[in-house]
């Protein structure tokens, strides 16, 4: 897995990148009560707002970690947003197709992420 400074995790599945939020982010948010997911087939650029997550404490935007196309969303989160609190690693938000998976080399590994969050 790779990690972003925005507390997203990235996992490669075949030629796709799966995106979710880290346990640290889920803990900081508190109980998640609403998630708005992107539309499938949406082409996004790095930094674009692609999803919204709301908790009892705050609302946060989930940004595209890289350029690509959204090819799948986790519909389970729409009905049960609390899955993010139960298991943030399993509760992925969306899958995206990117032109070059080597872009993942630019993101943090587990040790670097742990250093970031202290």
Protein backbone atom coordinates (compact mmCIF):
# COMPACT_ATOMS: atom_id res chain seq x y z
CA UNK A 1 0.00 0.00 0.00
CA UNK A 2 0.96 3.60 -0.57
CA UNK A 3 -0.27 6.66 1.32
CA UNK A 4 -0.95 10.32 0.54
CA UNK A 5 -0.38 13.35 2.76
CA UNK A 6 -4.19 13.73 2.70
CA UNK A 7 -4.50 10.42 4.61
CA UNK A 8 -5.69 8.29 1.72
CA UNK A 9 -4.42 4.78 1.10
CA UNK A 10 -3.74 3.46 -2.39
CA UNK A 11 -3.67 -0.21 -3.36
CA UNK A 12 -3.00 -1.69 -6.79
CA UNK A 13 -5.43 -4.33 -8.06
CA UNK A 14 -4.36 -5.45 -11.51
CA UNK A 15 -4.27 -2.30 -13.63
CA UNK A 16 -6.43 -0.29 -11.20
CA UNK A 17 -5.69 1.83 -8.14
CA UNK A 18 -8.10 1.41 -5.23
CA UNK A 19 -8.50 4.49 -3.00
CA UNK A 20 -9.74 4.76 0.58
CA UNK A 21 -8.98 6.71 3.74
CA UNK A 22 -6.57 5.61 6.44
CA UNK A 23 -7.47 4.45 9.92
CA UNK A 24 -5.89 7.66 11.22
CA UNK A 25 -8.25 9.75 9.07
CA UNK A 26 -11.30 7.69 10.08
CA UNK A 27 -10.39 8.11 13.76
CA UNK A 28 -9.94 11.87 13.35
CA UNK A 29 -13.31 12.18 11.61
CA UNK A 30 -15.25 10.20 14.18
CA UNK A 31 -18.51 8.46 13.28
CA UNK A 32 -19.03 8.73 9.51
CA UNK A 33 -22.68 9.47 8.68
CA UNK A 34 -22.68 10.29 4.94
CA UNK A 35 -20.54 9.63 1.88
CA UNK A 36 -20.99 11.08 -1.59
CA UNK A 37 -19.13 9.06 -4.21
CA UNK A 38 -18.06 10.10 -7.71
CA UNK A 39 -19.78 8.98 -10.89
CA UNK A 40 -18.26 6.01 -12.70
CA UNK A 41 -16.49 7.01 -15.95
CA UNK A 42 -15.56 10.43 -14.52
CA UNK A 43 -12.13 11.54 -15.72
CA UNK A 44 -10.26 13.30 -12.92
CA UNK A 45 -7.04 15.22 -12.50
CA UNK A 46 -4.78 15.02 -9.48
CA UNK A 47 -6.24 17.18 -6.72
CA UNK A 48 -9.81 17.22 -8.06
CA UNK A 49 -12.49 16.78 -5.42
CA UNK A 50 -14.04 13.39 -6.18
CA UNK A 51 -15.90 12.40 -3.03
CA UNK A 52 -17.27 13.91 0.18
CA UNK A 53 -17.25 12.26 3.57
CA UNK A 54 -19.25 13.67 6.48
CA UNK A 55 -18.99 12.69 10.11
CA UNK A 56 -20.49 13.91 13.32
CA UNK A 57 -17.42 16.16 13.67
CA UNK A 58 -16.71 17.47 10.17
CA UNK A 59 -17.05 17.19 6.42
CA UNK A 60 -14.01 16.42 4.28
CA UNK A 61 -13.30 16.19 0.60
CA UNK A 62 -11.56 13.20 -0.89
CA UNK A 63 -9.27 14.31 -3.70
CA UNK A 64 -8.02 12.37 -6.68
CA UNK A 65 -4.47 11.31 -5.79
CA UNK A 66 -3.51 11.23 -9.47
CA UNK A 67 -4.90 11.70 -12.97
CA UNK A 68 -7.17 8.91 -14.15
CA UNK A 69 -10.69 7.65 -14.69
CA UNK A 70 -13.08 6.47 -11.98
CA UNK A 71 -14.11 2.95 -13.02
CA UNK A 72 -15.91 1.69 -9.89
CA UNK A 73 -17.33 3.01 -6.62
CA UNK A 74 -18.12 1.20 -3.39
CA UNK A 75 -21.92 1.48 -3.32
CA UNK A 76 -22.01 -0.22 0.10
CA UNK A 77 -20.72 3.02 1.61
CA UNK A 78 -23.77 4.95 0.45
CA UNK A 79 -26.09 2.79 2.55
CA UNK A 80 -23.60 2.06 5.35
CA UNK A 81 -21.09 4.92 5.63
CA UNK A 82 -20.07 3.64 9.07
CA UNK A 83 -18.17 0.81 7.36
CA UNK A 84 -15.33 3.33 7.11
CA UNK A 85 -15.09 3.38 10.91
CA UNK A 86 -15.33 -0.40 11.21
CA UNK A 87 -12.51 -1.21 8.77
CA UNK A 88 -11.06 1.72 6.81
CA UNK A 89 -8.79 -0.55 4.78
CA UNK A 90 -11.70 -2.67 3.52
CA UNK A 91 -14.06 0.29 3.00
CA UNK A 92 -12.59 1.58 -0.25
CA UNK A 93 -14.20 4.59 -1.92
CA UNK A 94 -13.39 4.22 -5.60
CA UNK A 95 -11.20 2.45 -8.11
CA UNK A 96 -9.45 4.34 -10.85
CA UNK A 97 -7.57 3.50 -14.01
CA UNK A 98 -4.35 5.43 -14.48
CA UNK A 99 -2.09 5.63 -17.51
CA UNK A 100 1.08 4.73 -15.64
CA UNK A 101 1.16 2.85 -12.34
CA UNK A 102 4.73 3.98 -11.73
CA UNK A 103 3.22 7.27 -10.45
CA UNK A 104 2.62 5.33 -7.20
CA UNK A 105 6.36 5.48 -6.54
CA UNK A 106 5.87 9.14 -5.58
CA UNK A 107 3.66 8.28 -2.58
CA UNK A 108 4.65 7.28 0.96
CA UNK A 109 5.10 3.69 2.09
CA UNK A 110 3.82 2.47 5.48
CA UNK A 111 6.91 3.59 7.44
CA UNK A 112 6.91 7.06 5.89
CA UNK A 113 3.20 7.45 6.62
CA UNK A 114 3.66 6.38 10.24
CA UNK A 115 6.39 9.03 10.56
CA UNK A 116 3.96 11.62 9.17
CA UNK A 117 1.19 10.88 11.67
CA UNK A 118 3.62 10.35 14.56
